[in-house]
Amino acid sequence: MKPEQEIGRLLTQRKLTLSVAESCTGGLIAHRITNVPGSSNYFERGFVVYSNRAKTELLGVESALITASGAVSEHVARAMASGAKQSARTSFGLAATGIAGPISDESRKPVGLVYIAVCTPEGDVRVRKLNLKGTRLHIKKQSADAALNLLLRTIRARKRSDAQ
């Protein structure tokens, strides 16, 4: 079973909802989630926030945070996931920000640097840093794969702890 299918099954079973905030993946995560029949039962909305202005206006990411850390950073990924969850009023917020290439527009940050984040119903945020290789399309696909897998692991871990 693909991660997005298992995510859908678990969210439906638990009556939980999801929103996503995407920069470097450009909507690929939302695309994969909505390819699953019945996704309208748990997927509330997706934000493609490619510009810094969009991150600030739609997700409430502080412009000072972007200036201090850069749009591609752990801090911004964390703020994007929290902002998506809060703005959409969903159980989970999932975010991805990175540099897909072929060149970097962030000084001293390499192509393939990606941060993914999940904000849980309790407001805890898990962030992962990735250093990916390949073409722009490969980096986008690997980023979406990693984000969906992080979300799936987070949902599964939450389910186990709820059962105890």
N, C-alpha and C. Protein backbone atom coordinates (compact mmCIF):
# COMPACT_ATOMS: atom_id res chain seq x y z
N MET A 1 0.84 -1.18 0.00
CA MET A 1 0.00 0.00 0.00
C MET A 1 0.89 1.25 0.00
N LYS A 2 0.56 2.22 -0.84
CA LYS A 2 1.31 3.47 -0.90
C LYS A 2 1.09 4.26 0.39
N PRO A 3 2.07 5.09 0.77
CA PRO A 3 1.93 5.85 2.02
C PRO A 3 0.66 6.71 2.05
N GLU A 4 0.34 7.35 0.93
CA GLU A 4 -0.85 8.21 0.92
C GLU A 4 -2.14 7.41 1.11
N GLN A 5 -2.15 6.16 0.68
CA GLN A 5 -3.32 5.31 0.90
C GLN A 5 -3.45 4.93 2.37
N GLU A 6 -2.33 4.56 2.98
CA GLU A 6 -2.34 4.20 4.40
C GLU A 6 -2.66 5.42 5.26
N ILE A 7 -2.14 6.58 4.89
CA ILE A 7 -2.48 7.82 5.60
C ILE A 7 -3.98 8.05 5.54
N GLY A 8 -4.55 7.91 4.36
CA GLY A 8 -5.99 8.09 4.20
C GLY A 8 -6.79 7.12 5.04
N ARG A 9 -6.36 5.88 5.06
CA ARG A 9 -7.06 4.86 5.84
C ARG A 9 -7.04 5.22 7.32
N LEU A 10 -5.87 5.59 7.82
CA LEU A 10 -5.73 5.92 9.25
C LEU A 10 -6.47 7.20 9.62
N LEU A 11 -6.36 8.23 8.79
CA LEU A 11 -7.07 9.48 9.10
C LEU A 11 -8.58 9.27 9.09
N THR A 12 -9.07 8.50 8.12
CA THR A 12 -10.51 8.22 8.05
C THR A 12 -10.95 7.44 9.28
N GLN A 13 -10.20 6.40 9.60
CA GLN A 13 -10.51 5.55 10.75
C GLN A 13 -10.54 6.36 12.05
N ARG A 14 -9.61 7.29 12.20
CA ARG A 14 -9.49 8.08 13.43
C ARG A 14 -10.30 9.38 13.40
N LYS A 15 -10.94 9.66 12.25
CA LYS A 15 -11.70 10.91 12.07
C LYS A 15 -10.82 12.14 12.29
N LEU A 16 -9.64 12.12 11.66
CA LEU A 16 -8.69 13.21 11.73
C LEU A 16 -8.57 13.86 10.37
N THR A 17 -8.05 15.09 10.34
CA THR A 17 -7.96 15.85 9.09
C THR A 17 -6.53 16.33 8.84
N LEU A 18 -6.30 16.75 7.60
CA LEU A 18 -4.96 17.12 7.16
C LEU A 18 -4.99 18.34 6.26
N SER A 19 -3.97 19.18 6.43
CA SER A 19 -3.69 20.25 5.48
C SER A 19 -2.20 20.19 5.18
N VAL A 20 -1.80 20.69 4.01
CA VAL A 20 -0.39 20.69 3.64
C VAL A 20 0.04 22.08 3.18
N ALA A 21 1.31 22.38 3.45
CA ALA A 21 1.93 23.62 2.99
C ALA A 21 3.17 23.23 2.21
N GLU A 22 3.20 23.58 0.94
CA GLU A 22 4.28 23.13 0.06
C GLU A 22 4.97 24.30 -0.61
N SER A 23 6.28 24.23 -0.61
CA SER A 23 7.07 25.19 -1.36
C SER A 23 7.77 24.45 -2.49
N CYS A 24 8.85 23.75 -2.20
CA CYS A 24 9.64 23.11 -3.25
C CYS A 24 8.90 22.00 -3.99
N THR A 25 7.89 21.42 -3.39
CA THR A 25 7.16 20.33 -4.05
C THR A 25 6.03 20.85 -4.92
N GLY A 26 5.69 22.11 -4.82
CA GLY A 26 4.76 22.75 -5.74
C GLY A 26 3.40 22.11 -5.88
N GLY A 27 2.91 21.45 -4.86
CA GLY A 27 1.59 20.82 -4.92
C GLY A 27 1.62 19.32 -5.12
N LEU A 28 2.81 18.75 -5.24
CA LEU A 28 2.93 17.30 -5.48
C LEU A 28 2.39 16.47 -4.33
N ILE A 29 2.58 16.93 -3.10
CA ILE A 29 2.08 16.19 -1.95
C ILE A 29 0.55 16.18 -1.97
N ALA A 30 -0.06 17.34 -2.18
CA ALA A 30 -1.52 17.41 -2.26
C ALA A 30 -2.04 16.57 -3.42
N HIS A 31 -1.33 16.59 -4.52
CA HIS A 31 -1.71 15.78 -5.69
C HIS A 31 -1.77 14.30 -5.30
N ARG A 32 -0.76 13.82 -4.62
CA ARG A 32 -0.72 12.41 -4.24
C ARG A 32 -1.81 12.07 -3.23
N ILE A 33 -2.04 12.97 -2.29
CA ILE A 33 -3.09 12.72 -1.30
C ILE A 33 -4.46 12.67 -1.96
N THR A 34 -4.71 13.59 -2.88
CA THR A 34 -6.03 13.64 -3.52
C THR A 34 -6.21 12.59 -4.62
N ASN A 35 -5.17 11.86 -4.95
CA ASN A 35 -5.33 10.72 -5.86
C ASN A 35 -6.00 9.54 -5.18
N VAL A 36 -6.10 9.58 -3.87
CA VAL A 36 -6.71 8.49 -3.10
C VAL A 36 -8.22 8.73 -3.04
N PRO A 37 -9.02 7.76 -3.52
CA PRO A 37 -10.48 7.92 -3.43
C PRO A 37 -10.91 8.13 -1.98
N GLY A 38 -11.81 9.07 -1.77
CA GLY A 38 -12.29 9.35 -0.43
C GLY A 38 -11.47 10.37 0.32
N SER A 39 -10.45 10.94 -0.33
CA SER A 39 -9.57 11.89 0.36
C SER A 39 -10.32 13.15 0.82
N SER A 40 -11.46 13.43 0.23
CA SER A 40 -12.23 14.60 0.67
C SER A 40 -12.77 14.43 2.09
N ASN A 41 -12.74 13.21 2.61
CA ASN A 41 -13.17 12.97 3.99
C ASN A 41 -12.17 13.46 5.02
N TYR A 42 -10.90 13.62 4.64
CA TYR A 42 -9.88 14.00 5.61
C TYR A 42 -8.94 15.11 5.12
N PHE A 43 -8.89 15.37 3.82
CA PHE A 43 -7.99 16.41 3.32
C PHE A 43 -8.75 17.71 3.18
N GLU A 44 -8.38 18.69 3.99
CA GLU A 44 -9.08 19.98 4.02
C GLU A 44 -8.59 20.93 2.94
N ARG A 45 -7.27 21.12 2.87
CA ARG A 45 -6.74 22.05 1.86
C ARG A 45 -5.22 21.96 1.77
N GLY A 46 -4.73 22.49 0.66
CA GLY A 46 -3.30 22.57 0.45
C GLY A 46 -2.91 24.00 0.11
N PHE A 47 -1.76 24.41 0.60
CA PHE A 47 -1.22 25.73 0.33
C PHE A 47 0.07 25.54 -0.47
N VAL A 48 0.13 26.10 -1.67
CA VAL A 48 1.39 26.12 -2.41
C VAL A 48 1.94 27.52 -2.18
N VAL A 49 2.93 27.58 -1.30
CA VAL A 49 3.48 28.86 -0.84
C VAL A 49 4.92 28.98 -1.34
N TYR A 50 5.03 29.24 -2.61
CA TYR A 50 6.33 29.27 -3.26
C TYR A 50 7.13 30.52 -2.88
N SER A 51 6.44 31.61 -2.71
CA SER A 51 7.15 32.86 -2.37
C SER A 51 7.16 33.06 -0.85
N ASN A 52 8.10 33.88 -0.40
CA ASN A 52 8.15 34.21 1.02
C ASN A 52 6.90 34.98 1.43
N ARG A 53 6.41 35.83 0.57
CA ARG A 53 5.19 36.59 0.84
C ARG A 53 4.01 35.65 1.08
N ALA A 54 3.90 34.60 0.27
CA ALA A 54 2.81 33.64 0.46
C ALA A 54 2.94 32.92 1.80
N LYS A 55 4.16 32.58 2.18
CA LYS A 55 4.37 31.91 3.48
C LYS A 55 3.89 32.80 4.61
N THR A 56 4.16 34.09 4.49
CA THR A 56 3.77 35.06 5.52
C THR A 56 2.26 35.31 5.50
N GLU A 57 1.72 35.61 4.33
CA GLU A 57 0.31 35.98 4.24
C GLU A 57 -0.64 34.81 4.49
N LEU A 58 -0.33 33.64 3.97
CA LEU A 58 -1.26 32.51 4.08
C LEU A 58 -1.06 31.64 5.30
N LEU A 59 0.19 31.56 5.78
CA LEU A 59 0.49 30.65 6.88
C LEU A 59 0.90 31.36 8.16
N GLY A 60 1.10 32.66 8.09
CA GLY A 60 1.50 33.40 9.27
C GLY A 60 2.96 33.23 9.66
N VAL A 61 3.78 32.77 8.72
CA VAL A 61 5.21 32.66 9.00
C VAL A 61 5.77 34.08 9.12
N GLU A 62 6.43 34.36 10.21
CA GLU A 62 6.98 35.70 10.45
C GLU A 62 8.04 36.03 9.40
N SER A 63 7.95 37.20 8.79
CA SER A 63 8.94 37.60 7.80
C SER A 63 10.32 37.71 8.44
N ALA A 64 10.38 38.10 9.71
CA ALA A 64 11.68 38.18 10.40
C ALA A 64 12.32 36.80 10.53
N LEU A 65 11.50 35.78 10.69
CA LEU A 65 12.01 34.40 10.78
C LEU A 65 12.62 33.98 9.44
N ILE A 66 11.93 34.32 8.36
CA ILE A 66 12.43 34.00 7.02
C ILE A 66 13.74 34.74 6.75
N THR A 67 13.80 36.02 7.15
CA THR A 67 15.01 36.81 6.96
C THR A 67 16.17 36.23 7.77
N ALA A 68 15.89 35.86 9.01
CA ALA A 68 16.95 35.36 9.90
C ALA A 68 17.44 33.97 9.52
N SER A 69 16.52 33.07 9.20
CA SER A 69 16.87 31.66 8.96
C SER A 69 16.93 31.27 7.49
N GLY A 70 16.25 32.02 6.65
CA GLY A 70 16.10 31.65 5.25
C GLY A 70 14.83 30.84 5.09
N ALA A 71 14.24 30.91 3.91
CA ALA A 71 12.99 30.18 3.65
C ALA A 71 13.20 28.68 3.75
N VAL A 72 14.42 28.23 3.46
CA VAL A 72 14.75 26.81 3.54
C VAL A 72 15.50 26.60 4.85
N SER A 73 14.72 26.29 5.89
CA SER A 73 15.30 26.12 7.22
C SER A 73 14.35 25.31 8.09
N GLU A 74 14.90 24.77 9.15
CA GLU A 74 14.09 24.02 10.11
C GLU A 74 13.00 24.91 10.70
N HIS A 75 13.37 26.15 11.04
CA HIS A 75 12.42 27.06 11.68
C HIS A 75 11.24 27.38 10.78
N VAL A 76 11.51 27.62 9.51
CA VAL A 76 10.43 27.95 8.58
C VAL A 76 9.57 26.72 8.29
N ALA A 77 10.17 25.55 8.16
CA ALA A 77 9.38 24.32 7.96
C ALA A 77 8.43 24.10 9.13
N ARG A 78 8.94 24.31 10.33
CA ARG A 78 8.14 24.17 11.56
C ARG A 78 6.96 25.16 11.53
N ALA A 79 7.26 26.41 11.19
CA ALA A 79 6.22 27.45 11.15
C ALA A 79 5.20 27.17 10.05
N MET A 80 5.66 26.63 8.92
CA MET A 80 4.73 26.30 7.83
C MET A 80 3.76 25.19 8.24
N ALA A 81 4.27 24.14 8.87
CA ALA A 81 3.40 23.04 9.30
C ALA A 81 2.38 23.52 10.33
N SER A 82 2.85 24.30 11.30
CA SER A 82 1.94 24.85 12.32
C SER A 82 0.94 25.81 11.69
N GLY A 83 1.42 26.64 10.78
CA GLY A 83 0.55 27.61 10.12
C GLY A 83 -0.53 26.95 9.27
N ALA A 84 -0.18 25.89 8.57
CA ALA A 84 -1.17 25.17 7.77
C ALA A 84 -2.24 24.56 8.67
N LYS A 85 -1.81 23.91 9.73
CA LYS A 85 -2.74 23.29 10.68
C LYS A 85 -3.68 24.34 11.28
N GLN A 86 -3.09 25.45 11.71
CA GLN A 86 -3.89 26.50 12.36
C GLN A 86 -4.83 27.18 11.37
N SER A 87 -4.32 27.55 10.21
CA SER A 87 -5.12 28.26 9.22
C SER A 87 -6.30 27.42 8.72
N ALA A 88 -6.04 26.13 8.49
CA ALA A 88 -7.08 25.24 7.96
C ALA A 88 -7.91 24.57 9.07
N ARG A 89 -7.47 24.74 10.32
CA ARG A 89 -8.14 24.11 11.48
C ARG A 89 -8.23 22.60 11.30
N THR A 90 -7.08 21.98 11.00
CA THR A 90 -7.02 20.54 10.80
C THR A 90 -6.27 19.87 11.95
N SER A 91 -6.36 18.56 11.99
CA SER A 91 -5.67 17.78 13.02
C SER A 91 -4.16 17.82 12.80
N PHE A 92 -3.76 17.64 11.55
CA PHE A 92 -2.33 17.62 11.19
C PHE A 92 -2.03 18.68 10.15
N GLY A 93 -0.82 19.22 10.23
CA GLY A 93 -0.28 20.10 9.20
C GLY A 93 1.02 19.49 8.71
N LEU A 94 1.19 19.40 7.41
CA LEU A 94 2.39 18.81 6.81
C LEU A 94 3.03 19.87 5.92
N ALA A 95 4.36 20.02 6.00
CA ALA A 95 5.03 21.06 5.22
C ALA A 95 6.32 20.56 4.59
N ALA A 96 6.68 21.20 3.47
CA ALA A 96 7.95 20.94 2.80
C ALA A 96 8.49 22.25 2.24
N THR A 97 9.77 22.51 2.51
CA THR A 97 10.44 23.68 1.95
C THR A 97 11.86 23.25 1.59
N GLY A 98 12.32 23.66 0.42
CA GLY A 98 13.65 23.21 0.01
C GLY A 98 14.10 23.85 -1.28
N ILE A 99 15.23 23.35 -1.76
CA ILE A 99 15.82 23.85 -2.99
C ILE A 99 15.89 22.69 -3.98
N ALA A 100 15.01 22.72 -4.98
CA ALA A 100 14.93 21.63 -5.95
C ALA A 100 15.91 21.79 -7.10
N GLY A 101 16.43 22.98 -7.28
CA GLY A 101 17.44 23.19 -8.32
C GLY A 101 16.85 23.57 -9.67
N PRO A 102 17.67 23.66 -10.67
CA PRO A 102 19.04 23.17 -10.74
C PRO A 102 20.07 24.10 -10.09
N ILE A 103 19.66 25.34 -9.73
CA ILE A 103 20.58 26.22 -9.01
C ILE A 103 19.91 26.66 -7.71
N SER A 104 20.72 27.11 -6.76
CA SER A 104 20.21 27.56 -5.48
C SER A 104 20.03 29.07 -5.50
N ASP A 105 18.89 29.53 -4.98
CA ASP A 105 18.69 30.97 -4.84
C ASP A 105 18.88 31.40 -3.39
N GLU A 106 19.26 30.48 -2.53
CA GLU A 106 19.55 30.77 -1.13
C GLU A 106 21.08 30.73 -0.97
N SER A 107 21.66 31.80 -0.50
CA SER A 107 23.12 31.84 -0.40
C SER A 107 23.66 30.73 0.49
N ARG A 108 24.65 30.04 -0.03
CA ARG A 108 25.37 28.99 0.68
C ARG A 108 24.52 27.76 1.04
N LYS A 109 23.33 27.65 0.52
CA LYS A 109 22.52 26.45 0.77
C LYS A 109 22.50 25.63 -0.52
N PRO A 110 22.79 24.34 -0.41
CA PRO A 110 22.93 23.53 -1.62
C PRO A 110 21.60 23.07 -2.22
N VAL A 111 21.63 22.85 -3.52
CA VAL A 111 20.51 22.20 -4.18
C VAL A 111 20.31 20.84 -3.51
N GLY A 112 19.07 20.50 -3.24
CA GLY A 112 18.75 19.23 -2.59
C GLY A 112 18.53 19.35 -1.10
N LEU A 113 18.79 20.53 -0.53
CA LEU A 113 18.51 20.74 0.89
C LEU A 113 17.01 20.93 1.05
N VAL A 114 16.38 20.08 1.86
CA VAL A 114 14.93 20.12 2.06
C VAL A 114 14.63 19.90 3.53
N TYR A 115 13.65 20.61 4.03
CA TYR A 115 13.13 20.38 5.37
C TYR A 115 11.66 20.01 5.25
N ILE A 116 11.27 18.95 5.94
CA ILE A 116 9.87 18.54 6.00
C ILE A 116 9.43 18.59 7.46
N ALA A 117 8.16 18.86 7.69
CA ALA A 117 7.68 18.99 9.06
C ALA A 117 6.23 18.52 9.15
N VAL A 118 5.90 17.97 10.31
CA VAL A 118 4.52 17.56 10.62
C VAL A 118 4.14 18.18 11.96
N CYS A 119 2.99 18.85 12.00
CA CYS A 119 2.44 19.38 13.24
C CYS A 119 1.28 18.46 13.64
N THR A 120 1.33 17.95 14.87
CA THR A 120 0.35 16.99 15.37
C THR A 120 -0.88 17.70 15.95
N PRO A 121 -1.92 16.93 16.24
CA PRO A 121 -3.11 17.53 16.87
C PRO A 121 -2.79 18.26 18.18
N GLU A 122 -1.76 17.79 18.88
CA GLU A 122 -1.37 18.42 20.15
C GLU A 122 -0.49 19.65 19.95
N GLY A 123 -0.09 19.92 18.70
CA GLY A 123 0.75 21.07 18.40
C GLY A 123 2.24 20.79 18.41
N ASP A 124 2.63 19.53 18.66
CA ASP A 124 4.04 19.15 18.58
C ASP A 124 4.45 19.13 17.11
N VAL A 125 5.68 19.52 16.82
CA VAL A 125 6.16 19.54 15.44
C VAL A 125 7.41 18.69 15.32
N ARG A 126 7.38 17.77 14.37
CA ARG A 126 8.54 16.95 14.03
C ARG A 126 9.11 17.47 12.73
N VAL A 127 10.42 17.71 12.70
CA VAL A 127 11.08 18.25 11.51
C VAL A 127 12.22 17.31 11.11
N ARG A 128 12.38 17.11 9.83
CA ARG A 128 13.49 16.32 9.30
C ARG A 128 14.22 17.13 8.22
N LYS A 129 15.54 17.06 8.27
CA LYS A 129 16.39 17.69 7.26
C LYS A 129 16.82 16.62 6.28
N LEU A 130 16.72 16.93 4.99
CA LEU A 130 17.11 16.00 3.93
C LEU A 130 18.18 16.65 3.06
N ASN A 131 19.11 15.86 2.60
CA ASN A 131 20.09 16.28 1.60
C ASN A 131 19.94 15.34 0.42
N LEU A 132 19.19 15.79 -0.58
CA LEU A 132 18.81 14.93 -1.69
C LEU A 132 19.67 15.20 -2.92
N LYS A 133 19.73 14.22 -3.79
CA LYS A 133 20.50 14.33 -5.02
C LYS A 133 19.59 14.04 -6.20
N GLY A 134 19.96 14.56 -7.36
CA GLY A 134 19.23 14.25 -8.58
C GLY A 134 18.73 15.50 -9.27
N THR A 135 17.89 15.27 -10.26
CA THR A 135 17.30 16.37 -11.02
C THR A 135 16.24 17.06 -10.19
N ARG A 136 15.78 18.18 -10.68
CA ARG A 136 14.70 18.92 -10.02
C ARG A 136 13.49 18.02 -9.75
N LEU A 137 13.08 17.26 -10.75
CA LEU A 137 11.92 16.38 -10.59
C LEU A 137 12.19 15.27 -9.58
N HIS A 138 13.41 14.74 -9.58
CA HIS A 138 13.75 13.70 -8.59
C HIS A 138 13.72 14.26 -7.18
N ILE A 139 14.23 15.45 -7.00
CA ILE A 139 14.24 16.08 -5.67
C ILE A 139 12.81 16.35 -5.21
N LYS A 140 11.96 16.82 -6.11
CA LYS A 140 10.56 17.05 -5.74
C LYS A 140 9.88 15.73 -5.33
N LYS A 141 10.11 14.68 -6.09
CA LYS A 141 9.49 13.39 -5.79
C LYS A 141 10.02 12.82 -4.46
N GLN A 142 11.34 12.88 -4.28
CA GLN A 142 11.92 12.38 -3.03
C GLN A 142 11.42 13.17 -1.82
N SER A 143 11.24 14.48 -2.00
CA SER A 143 10.74 15.33 -0.92
C SER A 143 9.30 14.94 -0.56
N ALA A 144 8.47 14.73 -1.57
CA ALA A 144 7.08 14.33 -1.32
C ALA A 144 7.04 12.96 -0.66
N ASP A 145 7.86 12.03 -1.14
CA ASP A 145 7.93 10.69 -0.52
C ASP A 145 8.30 10.80 0.95
N ALA A 146 9.34 11.57 1.24
CA ALA A 146 9.81 11.70 2.62
C ALA A 146 8.76 12.36 3.51
N ALA A 147 8.09 13.38 2.99
CA ALA A 147 7.06 14.07 3.77
C ALA A 147 5.89 13.12 4.09
N LEU A 148 5.44 12.39 3.10
CA LEU A 148 4.34 11.45 3.33
C LEU A 148 4.75 10.35 4.30
N ASN A 149 5.98 9.88 4.19
CA ASN A 149 6.45 8.85 5.13
C ASN A 149 6.59 9.38 6.54
N LEU A 150 7.04 10.63 6.69
CA LEU A 150 7.12 11.23 8.02
C LEU A 150 5.72 11.37 8.62
N LEU A 151 4.76 11.81 7.83
CA LEU A 151 3.39 11.92 8.31
C LEU A 151 2.85 10.56 8.73
N LEU A 152 3.08 9.55 7.89
CA LEU A 152 2.60 8.20 8.20
C LEU A 152 3.21 7.68 9.51
N ARG A 153 4.52 7.85 9.67
CA ARG A 153 5.16 7.41 10.93
C ARG A 153 4.61 8.16 12.13
N THR A 154 4.33 9.44 11.95
CA THR A 154 3.79 10.25 13.05
C THR A 154 2.40 9.78 13.43
N ILE A 155 1.57 9.52 12.44
CA ILE A 155 0.21 9.04 12.73
C ILE A 155 0.28 7.67 13.41
N ARG A 156 1.11 6.78 12.89
CA ARG A 156 1.24 5.45 13.50
C ARG A 156 1.74 5.53 14.94
N ALA A 157 2.73 6.37 15.21
CA ALA A 157 3.28 6.50 16.56
C ALA A 157 2.22 7.05 17.51
N ARG A 158 1.43 8.00 17.03
CA ARG A 158 0.36 8.57 17.83
C ARG A 158 -0.68 7.52 18.14
N LYS A 159 -0.99 6.70 17.17
CA LYS A 159 -1.99 5.65 17.36
C LYS A 159 -1.52 4.67 18.43
N ARG A 160 -0.25 4.29 18.39
CA ARG A 160 0.28 3.36 19.39
C ARG A 160 0.22 3.97 20.78
N SER A 161 0.59 5.24 20.89
CA SER A 161 0.59 5.85 22.23
C SER A 161 -0.83 6.07 22.75
N ASP A 162 -1.80 6.29 21.86
CA ASP A 162 -3.20 6.43 22.27
C ASP A 162 -3.76 5.13 22.81
N ALA A 163 -3.26 4.01 22.29
CA ALA A 163 -3.79 2.70 22.68
C ALA A 163 -3.29 2.28 24.05
N GLN A 164 -2.24 2.94 24.55
CA GLN A 164 -1.66 2.53 25.84
C GLN A 164 -2.41 3.12 27.01
